[in-house]
C-alpha atoms as a PDB file:
ATOM      1  CA  MET A   1      -6.308 -16.293  -6.648  1.00  0.00           C
ATOM      2  CA  GLY A   2      -9.767 -15.802  -6.070  1.00  0.00           C
ATOM      3  CA  ASP A   3     -11.865 -13.116  -7.026  1.00  0.00           C
ATOM      4  CA  ASN A   4     -10.881  -9.855  -8.872  1.00  0.00           C
ATOM      5  CA  GLY A   5     -11.652  -7.703  -5.790  1.00  0.00           C
ATOM      6  CA  GLY A   6      -9.187  -9.587  -3.550  1.00  0.00           C
ATOM      7  CA  LYS A   7      -6.613  -9.777  -6.504  1.00  0.00           C
ATOM      8  CA  LYS A   8      -7.058  -5.858  -6.617  1.00  0.00           C
ATOM      9  CA  LYS A   9      -6.563  -5.423  -2.990  1.00  0.00           C
ATOM     10  CA  LEU A  10      -3.352  -7.393  -2.994  1.00  0.00           C
ATOM     11  CA  ILE A  11      -1.991  -5.454  -5.840  1.00  0.00           C
ATOM     12  CA  GLN A  12      -2.791  -2.420  -3.872  1.00  0.00           C
ATOM     13  CA  ARG A  13      -0.798  -3.618  -0.799  1.00  0.00           C
ATOM     14  CA  LEU A  14       2.014  -4.522  -2.787  1.00  0.00           C
ATOM     15  CA  LYS A  15       2.253  -1.114  -4.450  1.00  0.00           C
ATOM     16  CA  ARG A  16       2.309   0.329  -0.931  1.00  0.00           C
ATOM     17  CA  VAL A  17       5.061  -2.033  -0.008  1.00  0.00           C
ATOM     18  CA  GLU A  18       7.017  -1.026  -2.990  1.00  0.00           C
ATOM     19  CA  GLY A  19       6.596   2.680  -2.233  1.00  0.00           C
ATOM     20  CA  GLN A  20       7.706   1.920   1.391  1.00  0.00           C
ATOM     21  CA  VAL A  21      10.969   0.098   0.014  1.00  0.00           C
ATOM     22  CA  ARG A  22      11.519   3.201  -2.168  1.00  0.00           C
ATOM     23  CA  GLY A  23      11.175   5.405   0.923  1.00  0.00           C
ATOM     24  CA  ILE A  24      13.773   3.345   2.637  1.00  0.00           C
ATOM     25  CA  GLN A  25      16.167   3.719  -0.255  1.00  0.00           C
ATOM     26  CA  ARG A  26      15.685   7.511  -0.229  1.00  0.00           C
ATOM     27  CA  MET A  27      16.104   7.654   3.457  1.00  0.00           C
ATOM     28  CA  ILE A  28      19.370   5.760   3.075  1.00  0.00           C
ATOM     29  CA  GLU A  29      20.421   8.076   0.233  1.00  0.00           C
ATOM     30  CA  HIS A  30      19.777  10.991   2.440  1.00  0.00           C
ATOM     31  CA  GLU A  31      21.596   9.412   5.597  1.00  0.00           C
ATOM     32  CA  GLN A  32      18.509   9.381   7.547  1.00  0.00           C
ATOM     33  CA  ASN A  33      18.749   8.475  11.155  1.00  0.00           C
ATOM     34  CA  CYS A  34      19.391   4.755  11.476  1.00  0.00           C
ATOM     35  CA  ILE A  35      16.533   4.105  14.009  1.00  0.00           C
ATOM     36  CA  GLU A  36      14.043   5.676  11.590  1.00  0.00           C
ATOM     37  CA  VAL A  37      15.282   3.517   8.847  1.00  0.00           C
ATOM     38  CA  LEU A  38      15.005   0.411  10.742  1.00  0.00           C
ATOM     39  CA  THR A  39      11.430   1.323  11.788  1.00  0.00           C
ATOM     40  CA  GLN A  40      10.557   1.821   8.064  1.00  0.00           C
ATOM     41  CA  VAL A  41      12.268  -1.581   7.365  1.00  0.00           C
ATOM     42  CA  ALA A  42       9.980  -3.312   9.954  1.00  0.00           C
ATOM     43  CA  ALA A  43       6.878  -1.631   8.780  1.00  0.00           C
ATOM     44  CA  ALA A  44       7.475  -2.833   5.129  1.00  0.00           C
ATOM     45  CA  ARG A  45       8.546  -6.154   6.291  1.00  0.00           C
ATOM     46  CA  ALA A  46       5.157  -6.483   8.230  1.00  0.00           C
ATOM     47  CA  ALA A  47       3.128  -5.261   5.178  1.00  0.00           C
ATOM     48  CA  LEU A  48       4.653  -7.804   3.098  1.00  0.00           C
ATOM     49  CA  ASP A  49       4.168 -10.563   5.612  1.00  0.00           C
ATOM     50  CA  ARG A  50       0.565  -9.492   5.774  1.00  0.00           C
ATOM     51  CA  VAL A  51       0.290  -9.963   2.014  1.00  0.00           C
ATOM     52  CA  GLY A  52       1.753 -13.509   2.484  1.00  0.00           C
ATOM     53  CA  MET A  53      -0.522 -14.476   5.137  1.00  0.00           C
ATOM     54  CA  ILE A  54      -3.686 -13.180   2.886  1.00  0.00           C
ATOM     55  CA  ILE A  55      -2.275 -15.438  -0.068  1.00  0.00           C
ATOM     56  CA  PHE A  56      -1.795 -18.030   2.474  1.00  0.00           C
ATOM     57  CA  GLU A  57      -5.305 -18.073   3.931  1.00  0.00           C
ATOM     58  CA  GLU A  58      -6.780 -17.765   0.337  1.00  0.00           C
ATOM     59  CA  HIS A  59      -4.769 -20.907  -0.760  1.00  0.00           C
ATOM     60  CA  SER A  60      -6.144 -22.726   2.491  1.00  0.00           C
ATOM     61  CA  HIS A  61      -9.477 -21.784   1.914  1.00  0.00           C
ATOM     62  CA  THR A  62      -9.699 -22.424  -1.900  1.00  0.00           C
ATOM     63  CA  CYS A  63      -6.928 -24.519  -3.592  1.00  0.00           C
ATOM     64  CA  LEU A  64      -6.255 -26.986  -0.446  1.00  0.00           C
ATOM     65  CA  LEU A  65     -10.040 -27.545   0.077  1.00  0.00           C
ATOM     66  CA  ARG A  66     -10.366 -28.427  -3.624  1.00  0.00           C
ATOM     67  CA  ALA A  67      -7.350 -30.721  -3.558  1.00  0.00           C
ATOM     68  CA  ILE A  68      -8.727 -32.599  -0.536  1.00  0.00           C
ATOM     69  CA  GLU A  69     -12.060 -32.801  -2.217  1.00  0.00           C
ATOM     70  CA  GLU A  70     -10.442 -34.227  -5.168  1.00  0.00           C
ATOM     71  CA  GLY A  71      -8.448 -36.927  -2.983  1.00  0.00           C
ATOM     72  CA  GLN A  72      -4.985 -35.254  -3.467  1.00  0.00           C
ATOM     73  CA  ASP A  73      -3.181 -37.079  -0.613  1.00  0.00           C
ATOM     74  CA  ASP A  74      -0.056 -34.741  -0.814  1.00  0.00           C
ATOM     75  CA  ALA A  75      -2.234 -31.449  -0.363  1.00  0.00           C
ATOM     76  CA  ILE A  76      -1.630 -31.082   3.246  1.00  0.00           C
ATOM     77  CA  GLU A  77       2.139 -31.812   3.028  1.00  0.00           C
ATOM     78  CA  GLU A  78       2.220 -29.153   0.136  1.00  0.00           C
ATOM     79  CA  LEU A  79       0.561 -26.702   2.379  1.00  0.00           C
ATOM     80  CA  MET A  80       3.009 -27.412   5.316  1.00  0.00           C
ATOM     81  CA  GLN A  81       6.194 -26.828   2.978  1.00  0.00           C
ATOM     82  CA  ALA A  82       4.632 -23.750   1.936  1.00  0.00           C
ATOM     83  CA  LEU A  83       4.075 -22.507   5.462  1.00  0.00           C
ATOM     84  CA  LYS A  84       7.881 -23.533   6.397  1.00  0.00           C
ATOM     85  CA  ARG A  85       9.086 -21.539   3.375  1.00  0.00           C
ATOM     86  CA  PHE A  86       6.931 -18.641   4.450  1.00  0.00           C
ATOM     87  CA  MET A  87       7.910 -18.755   8.033  1.00  0.00           C
ATOM     88  CA  GLN A  88      11.788 -18.766   7.406  1.00  0.00           C
END
């Protein structure tokens, strides 16, 4: 996962997403306005997508590059499969 600074930032982002999800649960428990709940769901989804993109970029710049340099022919195909799963 790269350097410790990057890992630390990812963990912080994930903790924020976790807090957002807990907030959504509270909103539902307190029967908050549906539009407000959906807005928070969209925000949590966007934050989680950003975490995924950071991980994908890190993989592309480090693991993929190393695999290509080592002659691993299936590295690009593996990256494409990961991208397809991420985009679903």
